[in-house]
Amino acid sequence: MLEAQKRPVHLYMEANPNPNSLKFVANFMLTDDGVSFDFPDEESASNSPLALELFNFAAIERVFIASNFVTVTKKGDIPWEDIQQHIRDQIKNFLESGKQPISTQFDADPLFDENDSEVVKKIKGILDEYIRPAVEQDGGAIVFHSFQDGVVKVLLQGACSGCPSSTVTLKAGIENLLTRMLPEVKSVEAEGV
């Protein structure tokens, strides 16, 4: 009987602005484009077999999965040098086994809602086209939360959650871009930070 061939997995690590987070990048997509999953604790990870495995490491505080990467946030008192290779091996072995990192499936695009106002559609479009790629490069994500009275509220996920430079990114980058492109937008705030 032939043995099933393992999927070739190439995984490399990238630092990002959050010193407690490390980005593990795969050579293939782990989620649909633009869809991300943030697991701030083990209890929230019921739909991610990969995140559940990673939470078995006592040093892990948060797991974030998007496009072709997994961002792992560790507890502050543990040096990366002590755990990064173990985490990398765990992710690589999981992906080589052919298991899916996320068990959730969507019938419709979770990012866009046909009932959104025209302004909200434009905000989501700008976030998706201009902001998301840059934030993903740093191992995180930005998700639209709400728009009311000129204030856009967003959720910062992955490496962006708790990152020392996220406030600067939010105000100097995201708010600046949205207020310039859409006169209806007066400010941008992070929700749940």
N, C-alpha and C. Protein backbone atom coordinates (compact mmCIF):
# COMPACT_ATOMS: atom_id res chain seq x y z
N MET A 1 0.84 -1.19 0.00
CA MET A 1 0.00 0.00 0.00
C MET A 1 0.89 1.25 0.00
N LEU A 2 0.53 2.21 -0.81
CA LEU A 2 1.30 3.45 -0.89
C LEU A 2 1.00 4.35 0.30
N GLU A 3 2.03 4.96 0.83
CA GLU A 3 1.86 5.90 1.93
C GLU A 3 1.51 7.27 1.36
N ALA A 4 0.57 7.93 1.99
CA ALA A 4 0.18 9.28 1.54
C ALA A 4 1.37 10.21 1.62
N GLN A 5 1.56 10.98 0.57
CA GLN A 5 2.70 11.89 0.52
C GLN A 5 2.39 13.15 1.33
N LYS A 6 3.35 13.58 2.14
CA LYS A 6 3.18 14.80 2.93
C LYS A 6 3.21 16.01 2.02
N ARG A 7 2.44 17.00 2.38
CA ARG A 7 2.44 18.27 1.66
C ARG A 7 3.75 18.98 1.96
N PRO A 8 4.45 19.46 0.93
CA PRO A 8 5.68 20.20 1.20
C PRO A 8 5.37 21.55 1.85
N VAL A 9 5.87 21.75 3.04
CA VAL A 9 5.62 22.97 3.78
C VAL A 9 6.93 23.70 4.01
N HIS A 10 6.98 24.93 3.58
CA HIS A 10 8.13 25.79 3.84
C HIS A 10 7.60 26.90 4.75
N LEU A 11 8.29 27.07 5.86
CA LEU A 11 7.83 28.01 6.87
C LEU A 11 9.02 28.86 7.30
N TYR A 12 8.84 30.16 7.29
CA TYR A 12 9.90 31.02 7.80
C TYR A 12 9.32 32.00 8.80
N MET A 13 10.17 32.55 9.63
CA MET A 13 9.74 33.44 10.69
C MET A 13 10.09 34.89 10.34
N GLU A 14 9.19 35.80 10.76
CA GLU A 14 9.43 37.23 10.58
C GLU A 14 9.13 37.95 11.88
N ALA A 15 10.00 38.87 12.23
CA ALA A 15 9.72 39.74 13.37
C ALA A 15 8.73 40.79 12.92
N ASN A 16 8.09 41.45 13.85
CA ASN A 16 7.16 42.53 13.54
C ASN A 16 7.28 43.59 14.63
N PRO A 17 6.58 44.70 14.52
CA PRO A 17 6.75 45.78 15.52
C PRO A 17 6.40 45.39 16.96
N ASN A 18 5.59 44.36 17.14
CA ASN A 18 5.26 43.91 18.50
C ASN A 18 6.33 42.93 18.97
N PRO A 19 7.13 43.28 19.96
CA PRO A 19 8.23 42.41 20.38
C PRO A 19 7.78 41.08 20.97
N ASN A 20 6.51 40.96 21.35
CA ASN A 20 6.01 39.71 21.91
C ASN A 20 5.35 38.82 20.87
N SER A 21 5.33 39.26 19.62
CA SER A 21 4.72 38.49 18.54
C SER A 21 5.76 38.09 17.50
N LEU A 22 5.53 36.93 16.90
CA LEU A 22 6.39 36.45 15.82
C LEU A 22 5.47 35.88 14.75
N LYS A 23 5.79 36.20 13.50
CA LYS A 23 4.97 35.79 12.36
C LYS A 23 5.63 34.58 11.70
N PHE A 24 4.84 33.51 11.51
CA PHE A 24 5.30 32.29 10.86
C PHE A 24 4.60 32.21 9.51
N VAL A 25 5.36 32.36 8.43
CA VAL A 25 4.81 32.48 7.08
C VAL A 25 4.96 31.16 6.33
N ALA A 26 3.85 30.69 5.76
CA ALA A 26 3.83 29.43 4.99
C ALA A 26 3.92 29.71 3.50
N ASN A 27 4.18 28.69 2.73
CA ASN A 27 4.30 28.81 1.28
C ASN A 27 2.96 28.58 0.57
N PHE A 28 1.86 28.64 1.29
CA PHE A 28 0.54 28.50 0.69
C PHE A 28 -0.48 29.20 1.59
N MET A 29 -1.68 29.40 1.06
CA MET A 29 -2.72 30.12 1.80
C MET A 29 -3.31 29.23 2.89
N LEU A 30 -3.55 29.82 4.05
CA LEU A 30 -4.16 29.11 5.17
C LEU A 30 -5.63 29.49 5.34
N THR A 31 -6.00 30.67 4.86
CA THR A 31 -7.39 31.14 4.91
C THR A 31 -7.72 31.81 3.59
N ASP A 32 -8.98 32.12 3.40
CA ASP A 32 -9.38 32.88 2.22
C ASP A 32 -8.78 34.28 2.31
N ASP A 33 -8.53 34.88 1.17
CA ASP A 33 -7.93 36.20 1.12
C ASP A 33 -8.80 37.20 1.87
N GLY A 34 -8.17 37.95 2.77
CA GLY A 34 -8.87 38.98 3.51
C GLY A 34 -9.60 38.49 4.75
N VAL A 35 -9.63 37.19 4.98
CA VAL A 35 -10.31 36.63 6.14
C VAL A 35 -9.27 36.27 7.19
N SER A 36 -9.50 36.71 8.42
CA SER A 36 -8.55 36.42 9.49
C SER A 36 -9.28 35.90 10.72
N PHE A 37 -8.54 35.21 11.56
CA PHE A 37 -9.08 34.62 12.77
C PHE A 37 -8.15 34.95 13.93
N ASP A 38 -8.71 35.61 14.93
CA ASP A 38 -7.93 36.04 16.08
C ASP A 38 -8.40 35.26 17.30
N PHE A 39 -7.46 34.61 17.99
CA PHE A 39 -7.77 33.81 19.16
C PHE A 39 -7.00 34.37 20.35
N PRO A 40 -7.65 35.24 21.14
CA PRO A 40 -6.97 35.86 22.27
C PRO A 40 -6.73 34.91 23.43
N ASP A 41 -7.36 33.72 23.38
CA ASP A 41 -7.14 32.72 24.43
C ASP A 41 -7.61 31.36 23.91
N GLU A 42 -7.32 30.32 24.67
CA GLU A 42 -7.65 28.96 24.25
C GLU A 42 -9.16 28.76 24.10
N GLU A 43 -9.95 29.36 24.98
CA GLU A 43 -11.40 29.20 24.93
C GLU A 43 -12.00 29.69 23.61
N SER A 44 -11.38 30.68 23.01
CA SER A 44 -11.91 31.25 21.77
C SER A 44 -11.50 30.45 20.53
N ALA A 45 -10.66 29.44 20.70
CA ALA A 45 -10.05 28.73 19.57
C ALA A 45 -10.75 27.43 19.19
N SER A 46 -12.00 27.27 19.57
CA SER A 46 -12.69 26.00 19.31
C SER A 46 -12.80 25.66 17.83
N ASN A 47 -12.78 26.66 16.94
CA ASN A 47 -12.87 26.39 15.51
C ASN A 47 -11.50 26.34 14.82
N SER A 48 -10.42 26.22 15.61
CA SER A 48 -9.09 26.15 15.02
C SER A 48 -8.25 25.05 15.68
N PRO A 49 -8.16 23.91 15.03
CA PRO A 49 -7.31 22.85 15.58
C PRO A 49 -5.84 23.29 15.73
N LEU A 50 -5.35 24.12 14.83
CA LEU A 50 -3.97 24.60 14.92
C LEU A 50 -3.79 25.49 16.15
N ALA A 51 -4.68 26.45 16.35
CA ALA A 51 -4.58 27.33 17.51
C ALA A 51 -4.66 26.53 18.81
N LEU A 52 -5.55 25.55 18.85
CA LEU A 52 -5.67 24.72 20.06
C LEU A 52 -4.36 24.01 20.37
N GLU A 53 -3.71 23.50 19.33
CA GLU A 53 -2.40 22.85 19.54
C GLU A 53 -1.36 23.85 20.05
N LEU A 54 -1.37 25.05 19.49
CA LEU A 54 -0.38 26.06 19.91
C LEU A 54 -0.62 26.52 21.35
N PHE A 55 -1.87 26.56 21.77
CA PHE A 55 -2.15 26.95 23.15
C PHE A 55 -1.68 25.90 24.16
N ASN A 56 -1.27 24.73 23.69
CA ASN A 56 -0.68 23.73 24.59
C ASN A 56 0.66 24.21 25.15
N PHE A 57 1.29 25.16 24.46
CA PHE A 57 2.51 25.77 24.97
C PHE A 57 2.12 26.80 26.02
N ALA A 58 2.60 26.64 27.22
CA ALA A 58 2.23 27.54 28.33
C ALA A 58 2.64 28.98 28.04
N ALA A 59 3.63 29.19 27.19
CA ALA A 59 4.14 30.53 26.91
C ALA A 59 3.26 31.31 25.94
N ILE A 60 2.31 30.65 25.28
CA ILE A 60 1.51 31.29 24.24
C ILE A 60 0.32 32.03 24.85
N GLU A 61 0.18 33.29 24.42
CA GLU A 61 -0.88 34.14 24.92
C GLU A 61 -1.99 34.37 23.90
N ARG A 62 -1.63 34.38 22.59
CA ARG A 62 -2.60 34.69 21.54
C ARG A 62 -2.13 34.04 20.23
N VAL A 63 -3.10 33.62 19.40
CA VAL A 63 -2.80 33.05 18.09
C VAL A 63 -3.68 33.76 17.07
N PHE A 64 -3.08 34.13 15.96
CA PHE A 64 -3.78 34.84 14.89
C PHE A 64 -3.46 34.16 13.58
N ILE A 65 -4.48 33.83 12.78
CA ILE A 65 -4.27 33.14 11.50
C ILE A 65 -4.93 33.96 10.39
N ALA A 66 -4.15 34.26 9.35
CA ALA A 66 -4.65 35.01 8.20
C ALA A 66 -3.85 34.64 6.97
N SER A 67 -4.44 34.84 5.83
CA SER A 67 -3.84 34.54 4.52
C SER A 67 -2.83 33.39 4.60
N ASN A 68 -1.53 33.67 4.53
CA ASN A 68 -0.54 32.59 4.53
C ASN A 68 0.35 32.61 5.76
N PHE A 69 -0.16 33.11 6.88
CA PHE A 69 0.70 33.18 8.06
C PHE A 69 -0.06 32.96 9.36
N VAL A 70 0.72 32.62 10.38
CA VAL A 70 0.23 32.48 11.75
C VAL A 70 1.08 33.41 12.60
N THR A 71 0.44 34.31 13.33
CA THR A 71 1.16 35.17 14.26
C THR A 71 0.91 34.65 15.66
N VAL A 72 1.99 34.41 16.37
CA VAL A 72 1.90 33.90 17.73
C VAL A 72 2.41 34.98 18.67
N THR A 73 1.63 35.26 19.71
CA THR A 73 2.04 36.23 20.73
C THR A 73 2.34 35.46 22.00
N LYS A 74 3.52 35.69 22.53
CA LYS A 74 3.97 34.99 23.73
C LYS A 74 3.80 35.87 24.96
N LYS A 75 3.91 35.25 26.10
CA LYS A 75 3.93 36.01 27.35
C LYS A 75 5.25 36.77 27.41
N GLY A 76 5.23 37.96 27.96
CA GLY A 76 6.38 38.88 27.92
C GLY A 76 7.63 38.39 28.61
N ASP A 77 7.52 37.52 29.59
CA ASP A 77 8.71 37.14 30.36
C ASP A 77 9.49 35.97 29.76
N ILE A 78 9.07 35.44 28.63
CA ILE A 78 9.75 34.29 28.03
C ILE A 78 10.46 34.75 26.76
N PRO A 79 11.77 34.50 26.65
CA PRO A 79 12.50 34.92 25.44
C PRO A 79 12.12 34.08 24.22
N TRP A 80 12.04 34.73 23.06
CA TRP A 80 11.73 34.00 21.83
C TRP A 80 12.73 32.89 21.57
N GLU A 81 13.98 33.12 21.90
CA GLU A 81 15.01 32.12 21.62
C GLU A 81 14.70 30.78 22.27
N ASP A 82 13.97 30.80 23.38
CA ASP A 82 13.65 29.56 24.09
C ASP A 82 12.51 28.78 23.45
N ILE A 83 11.65 29.44 22.67
CA ILE A 83 10.45 28.74 22.19
C ILE A 83 10.20 28.80 20.69
N GLN A 84 10.83 29.71 19.96
CA GLN A 84 10.46 29.92 18.56
C GLN A 84 10.62 28.67 17.69
N GLN A 85 11.66 27.90 17.89
CA GLN A 85 11.86 26.70 17.07
C GLN A 85 10.80 25.64 17.37
N HIS A 86 10.41 25.51 18.63
CA HIS A 86 9.37 24.54 19.00
C HIS A 86 8.04 24.92 18.36
N ILE A 87 7.72 26.21 18.38
CA ILE A 87 6.47 26.68 17.78
C ILE A 87 6.51 26.48 16.28
N ARG A 88 7.62 26.83 15.66
CA ARG A 88 7.77 26.64 14.21
C ARG A 88 7.57 25.18 13.84
N ASP A 89 8.21 24.28 14.58
CA ASP A 89 8.08 22.84 14.30
C ASP A 89 6.64 22.38 14.46
N GLN A 90 5.96 22.88 15.48
CA GLN A 90 4.56 22.49 15.72
C GLN A 90 3.68 22.92 14.55
N ILE A 91 3.86 24.15 14.09
CA ILE A 91 3.06 24.64 12.95
C ILE A 91 3.39 23.84 11.70
N LYS A 92 4.66 23.62 11.44
CA LYS A 92 5.09 22.89 10.25
C LYS A 92 4.53 21.47 10.26
N ASN A 93 4.64 20.77 11.37
CA ASN A 93 4.12 19.40 11.47
C ASN A 93 2.61 19.37 11.26
N PHE A 94 1.92 20.33 11.86
CA PHE A 94 0.47 20.41 11.69
C PHE A 94 0.11 20.58 10.22
N LEU A 95 0.74 21.53 9.54
CA LEU A 95 0.43 21.80 8.14
C LEU A 95 0.84 20.63 7.24
N GLU A 96 1.94 19.98 7.54
CA GLU A 96 2.37 18.82 6.75
C GLU A 96 1.39 17.66 6.85
N SER A 97 0.68 17.58 7.97
CA SER A 97 -0.28 16.48 8.15
C SER A 97 -1.50 16.62 7.24
N GLY A 98 -1.68 17.82 6.66
CA GLY A 98 -2.81 18.04 5.76
C GLY A 98 -4.07 18.52 6.48
N LYS A 99 -4.00 18.67 7.80
CA LYS A 99 -5.15 19.16 8.54
C LYS A 99 -5.38 20.63 8.22
N GLN A 100 -6.63 21.06 8.34
CA GLN A 100 -6.99 22.46 8.09
C GLN A 100 -6.81 23.27 9.37
N PRO A 101 -6.14 24.43 9.29
CA PRO A 101 -5.93 25.25 10.49
C PRO A 101 -7.21 25.82 11.07
N ILE A 102 -8.22 26.01 10.21
CA ILE A 102 -9.50 26.59 10.63
C ILE A 102 -10.62 25.66 10.16
N SER A 103 -11.59 25.40 11.02
CA SER A 103 -12.70 24.53 10.64
C SER A 103 -13.95 25.30 10.25
N THR A 104 -13.93 26.62 10.34
CA THR A 104 -15.07 27.46 9.98
C THR A 104 -15.16 27.63 8.47
N GLN A 105 -16.37 27.54 7.94
CA GLN A 105 -16.60 27.78 6.52
C GLN A 105 -17.67 28.85 6.39
N PHE A 106 -17.57 29.70 5.37
CA PHE A 106 -18.52 30.78 5.17
C PHE A 106 -19.33 30.55 3.91
N ASP A 107 -20.63 30.85 3.98
CA ASP A 107 -21.48 30.77 2.79
C ASP A 107 -21.37 32.04 1.97
N ALA A 108 -21.07 33.15 2.67
CA ALA A 108 -20.95 34.45 1.99
C ALA A 108 -19.67 35.12 2.50
N ASP A 109 -19.26 36.15 1.79
CA ASP A 109 -18.07 36.90 2.18
C ASP A 109 -18.34 37.57 3.54
N PRO A 110 -17.55 37.20 4.58
CA PRO A 110 -17.82 37.76 5.91
C PRO A 110 -17.43 39.23 6.04
N LEU A 111 -16.71 39.77 5.07
CA LEU A 111 -16.24 41.14 5.17
C LEU A 111 -17.26 42.16 4.68
N PHE A 112 -18.10 41.76 3.74
CA PHE A 112 -19.00 42.72 3.13
C PHE A 112 -20.44 42.30 3.33
N ASP A 113 -21.28 43.27 3.62
CA ASP A 113 -22.70 43.06 3.88
C ASP A 113 -23.48 43.94 2.92
N GLU A 114 -24.38 43.34 2.17
CA GLU A 114 -25.15 44.12 1.19
C GLU A 114 -26.02 45.19 1.83
N ASN A 115 -26.27 45.08 3.14
CA ASN A 115 -27.08 46.08 3.85
C ASN A 115 -26.26 47.27 4.34
N ASP A 116 -24.95 47.25 4.13
CA ASP A 116 -24.10 48.36 4.54
C ASP A 116 -24.47 49.63 3.77
N SER A 117 -24.33 50.79 4.43
CA SER A 117 -24.53 52.07 3.75
C SER A 117 -23.40 52.27 2.75
N GLU A 118 -23.57 53.21 1.85
CA GLU A 118 -22.54 53.49 0.85
C GLU A 118 -21.22 53.91 1.51
N VAL A 119 -21.30 54.71 2.57
CA VAL A 119 -20.09 55.15 3.28
C VAL A 119 -19.38 53.96 3.91
N VAL A 120 -20.13 53.08 4.54
CA VAL A 120 -19.52 51.90 5.17
C VAL A 120 -18.88 51.01 4.11
N LYS A 121 -19.53 50.84 2.98
CA LYS A 121 -18.94 50.05 1.89
C LYS A 121 -17.61 50.66 1.44
N LYS A 122 -17.58 51.99 1.33
CA LYS A 122 -16.34 52.67 0.94
C LYS A 122 -15.25 52.50 2.01
N ILE A 123 -15.64 52.63 3.29
CA ILE A 123 -14.67 52.46 4.38
C ILE A 123 -14.08 51.05 4.33
N LYS A 124 -14.95 50.05 4.22
CA LYS A 124 -14.48 48.66 4.16
C LYS A 124 -13.58 48.43 2.95
N GLY A 125 -13.95 49.04 1.82
CA GLY A 125 -13.14 48.91 0.61
C GLY A 125 -11.74 49.50 0.79
N ILE A 126 -11.67 50.66 1.41
CA ILE A 126 -10.36 51.31 1.66
C ILE A 126 -9.54 50.47 2.64
N LEU A 127 -10.18 50.02 3.71
CA LEU A 127 -9.47 49.18 4.67
C LEU A 127 -8.93 47.92 4.00
N ASP A 128 -9.76 47.30 3.14
CA ASP A 128 -9.36 46.06 2.48
C ASP A 128 -8.25 46.28 1.45
N GLU A 129 -8.36 47.35 0.67
CA GLU A 129 -7.40 47.57 -0.41
C GLU A 129 -6.08 48.21 0.03
N TYR A 130 -6.17 49.20 0.91
CA TYR A 130 -4.98 49.98 1.25
C TYR A 130 -4.35 49.61 2.60
N ILE A 131 -5.18 49.30 3.58
CA ILE A 131 -4.68 49.11 4.94
C ILE A 131 -4.33 47.64 5.24
N ARG A 132 -5.26 46.73 4.88
CA ARG A 132 -5.07 45.32 5.22
C ARG A 132 -3.72 44.75 4.77
N PRO A 133 -3.29 44.98 3.53
CA PRO A 133 -2.01 44.39 3.12
C PRO A 133 -0.83 44.87 3.99
N ALA A 134 -0.82 46.15 4.34
CA ALA A 134 0.28 46.68 5.16
C ALA A 134 0.24 46.12 6.57
N VAL A 135 -0.95 46.02 7.14
CA VAL A 135 -1.08 45.50 8.50
C VAL A 135 -0.74 44.01 8.54
N GLU A 136 -1.14 43.27 7.49
CA GLU A 136 -0.80 41.84 7.43
C GLU A 136 0.70 41.64 7.34
N GLN A 137 1.39 42.56 6.68
CA GLN A 137 2.85 42.44 6.60
C GLN A 137 3.47 42.44 7.98
N ASP A 138 2.85 43.13 8.91
CA ASP A 138 3.35 43.18 10.28
C ASP A 138 2.76 42.09 11.17
N GLY A 139 2.04 41.14 10.56
CA GLY A 139 1.53 40.00 11.33
C GLY A 139 0.20 40.23 12.01
N GLY A 140 -0.56 41.21 11.55
CA GLY A 140 -1.83 41.50 12.19
C GLY A 140 -2.94 41.72 11.19
N ALA A 141 -4.03 42.27 11.71
CA ALA A 141 -5.18 42.58 10.86
C ALA A 141 -5.94 43.73 11.48
N ILE A 142 -6.69 44.40 10.62
CA ILE A 142 -7.60 45.45 11.05
C ILE A 142 -8.96 45.08 10.50
N VAL A 143 -9.97 45.11 11.36
CA VAL A 143 -11.31 44.70 10.96
C VAL A 143 -12.28 45.84 11.29
N PHE A 144 -13.12 46.17 10.33
CA PHE A 144 -14.14 47.19 10.53
C PHE A 144 -15.08 46.75 11.65
N HIS A 145 -15.39 47.65 12.57
CA HIS A 145 -16.33 47.36 13.65
C HIS A 145 -17.62 48.15 13.47
N SER A 146 -17.50 49.50 13.33
CA SER A 146 -18.71 50.31 13.18
C SER A 146 -18.36 51.70 12.65
N PHE A 147 -19.40 52.41 12.21
CA PHE A 147 -19.26 53.80 11.79
C PHE A 147 -20.48 54.55 12.27
N GLN A 148 -20.23 55.58 13.09
CA GLN A 148 -21.34 56.37 13.63
C GLN A 148 -20.85 57.77 13.94
N ASP A 149 -21.61 58.75 13.53
CA ASP A 149 -21.32 60.16 13.80
C ASP A 149 -19.90 60.56 13.39
N GLY A 150 -19.45 60.06 12.24
CA GLY A 150 -18.14 60.41 11.73
C GLY A 150 -16.98 59.63 12.32
N VAL A 151 -17.26 58.72 13.26
CA VAL A 151 -16.21 57.95 13.92
C VAL A 151 -16.22 56.50 13.41
N VAL A 152 -15.08 56.09 12.86
CA VAL A 152 -14.90 54.70 12.43
C VAL A 152 -14.24 53.96 13.58
N LYS A 153 -14.84 52.84 13.98
CA LYS A 153 -14.24 51.99 15.00
C LYS A 153 -13.76 50.71 14.33
N VAL A 154 -12.52 50.33 14.66
CA VAL A 154 -11.91 49.13 14.09
C VAL A 154 -11.41 48.22 15.21
N LEU A 155 -11.21 46.96 14.88
CA LEU A 155 -10.60 46.01 15.79
C LEU A 155 -9.20 45.74 15.29
N LEU A 156 -8.22 45.79 16.18
CA LEU A 156 -6.85 45.46 15.84
C LEU A 156 -6.58 44.04 16.33
N GLN A 157 -6.10 43.18 15.45
CA GLN A 157 -5.92 41.78 15.78
C GLN A 157 -4.49 41.32 15.52
N GLY A 158 -4.18 40.13 16.02
CA GLY A 158 -2.86 39.55 15.81
C GLY A 158 -1.79 40.37 16.48
N ALA A 159 -0.68 40.60 15.78
CA ALA A 159 0.45 41.34 16.34
C ALA A 159 0.07 42.78 16.67
N CYS A 160 -0.98 43.31 16.03
CA CYS A 160 -1.40 44.69 16.28
C CYS A 160 -2.06 44.85 17.64
N SER A 161 -2.63 43.78 18.15
CA SER A 161 -3.29 43.85 19.44
C SER A 161 -2.23 43.94 20.53
N GLY A 162 -2.21 45.06 21.21
CA GLY A 162 -1.22 45.25 22.27
C GLY A 162 0.13 45.72 21.79
N CYS A 163 0.26 46.02 20.51
CA CYS A 163 1.54 46.48 19.98
C CYS A 163 1.78 47.94 20.38
N PRO A 164 2.98 48.26 20.83
CA PRO A 164 3.29 49.62 21.25
C PRO A 164 3.09 50.66 20.13
N SER A 165 3.30 50.27 18.89
CA SER A 165 3.19 51.25 17.80
C SER A 165 1.82 51.28 17.15
N SER A 166 0.85 50.52 17.65
CA SER A 166 -0.46 50.46 17.00
C SER A 166 -1.21 51.79 17.08
N THR A 167 -1.04 52.56 18.14
CA THR A 167 -1.72 53.85 18.25
C THR A 167 -1.21 54.81 17.19
N VAL A 168 0.08 54.81 16.95
CA VAL A 168 0.66 55.68 15.92
C VAL A 168 0.15 55.25 14.55
N THR A 169 0.13 53.95 14.28
CA THR A 169 -0.38 53.44 13.01
C THR A 169 -1.84 53.84 12.83
N LEU A 170 -2.62 53.71 13.89
CA LEU A 170 -4.04 54.02 13.82
C LEU A 170 -4.27 55.48 13.48
N LYS A 171 -3.62 56.39 14.20
CA LYS A 171 -3.87 57.82 14.02
C LYS A 171 -3.12 58.39 12.81
N ALA A 172 -1.83 58.12 12.72
CA ALA A 172 -1.02 58.73 11.66
C ALA A 172 -1.27 58.07 10.30
N GLY A 173 -1.58 56.80 10.30
CA GLY A 173 -1.76 56.11 9.02
C GLY A 173 -3.22 55.95 8.62
N ILE A 174 -3.95 55.17 9.39
CA ILE A 174 -5.31 54.80 9.02
C ILE A 174 -6.26 55.99 9.07
N GLU A 175 -6.25 56.73 10.17
CA GLU A 175 -7.14 57.89 10.29
C GLU A 175 -6.82 58.92 9.22
N ASN A 176 -5.56 59.16 8.99
CA ASN A 176 -5.13 60.13 7.99
C ASN A 176 -5.66 59.75 6.61
N LEU A 177 -5.53 58.49 6.25
CA LEU A 177 -5.97 58.02 4.94
C LEU A 177 -7.49 58.10 4.80
N LEU A 178 -8.21 57.61 5.80
CA LEU A 178 -9.68 57.61 5.71
C LEU A 178 -10.26 59.02 5.70
N THR A 179 -9.74 59.91 6.53
CA THR A 179 -10.28 61.28 6.56
C THR A 179 -9.96 62.02 5.27
N ARG A 180 -8.85 61.70 4.66
CA ARG A 180 -8.49 62.33 3.38
C ARG A 180 -9.36 61.82 2.24
N MET A 181 -9.66 60.52 2.25
CA MET A 181 -10.41 59.91 1.14
C MET A 181 -11.93 60.03 1.29
N LEU A 182 -12.41 60.14 2.53
CA LEU A 182 -13.85 60.21 2.77
C LEU A 182 -14.16 61.36 3.72
N PRO A 183 -14.75 62.44 3.22
CA PRO A 183 -15.04 63.59 4.08
C PRO A 183 -16.00 63.26 5.23
N GLU A 184 -16.78 62.17 5.10
CA GLU A 184 -17.71 61.78 6.16
C GLU A 184 -16.99 61.28 7.41
N VAL A 185 -15.73 60.84 7.23
CA VAL A 185 -14.97 60.28 8.35
C VAL A 185 -14.23 61.41 9.06
N LYS A 186 -14.44 61.52 10.36
CA LYS A 186 -13.78 62.55 11.19
C LYS A 186 -12.65 61.97 12.03
N SER A 187 -12.80 60.72 12.49
CA SER A 187 -11.73 60.10 13.29
C SER A 187 -11.87 58.59 13.24
N VAL A 188 -10.79 57.91 13.69
CA VAL A 188 -10.75 56.45 13.75
C VAL A 188 -10.31 56.06 15.14
N GLU A 189 -11.01 55.09 15.72
CA GLU A 189 -10.67 54.60 17.06
C GLU A 189 -10.57 53.08 17.04
N ALA A 190 -9.72 52.57 17.90
CA ALA A 190 -9.60 51.12 18.06
C ALA A 190 -10.58 50.68 19.13
N GLU A 191 -11.32 49.68 18.85
CA GLU A 191 -12.30 49.12 19.79
C GLU A 191 -11.63 47.97 20.56
N GLY A 192 -11.86 47.92 21.84
CA GLY A 192 -11.38 46.79 22.64
C GLY A 192 -9.90 46.77 22.90
N VAL A 193 -9.22 47.91 22.78
CA VAL A 193 -7.77 47.94 23.01
C VAL A 193 -7.51 48.41 24.43
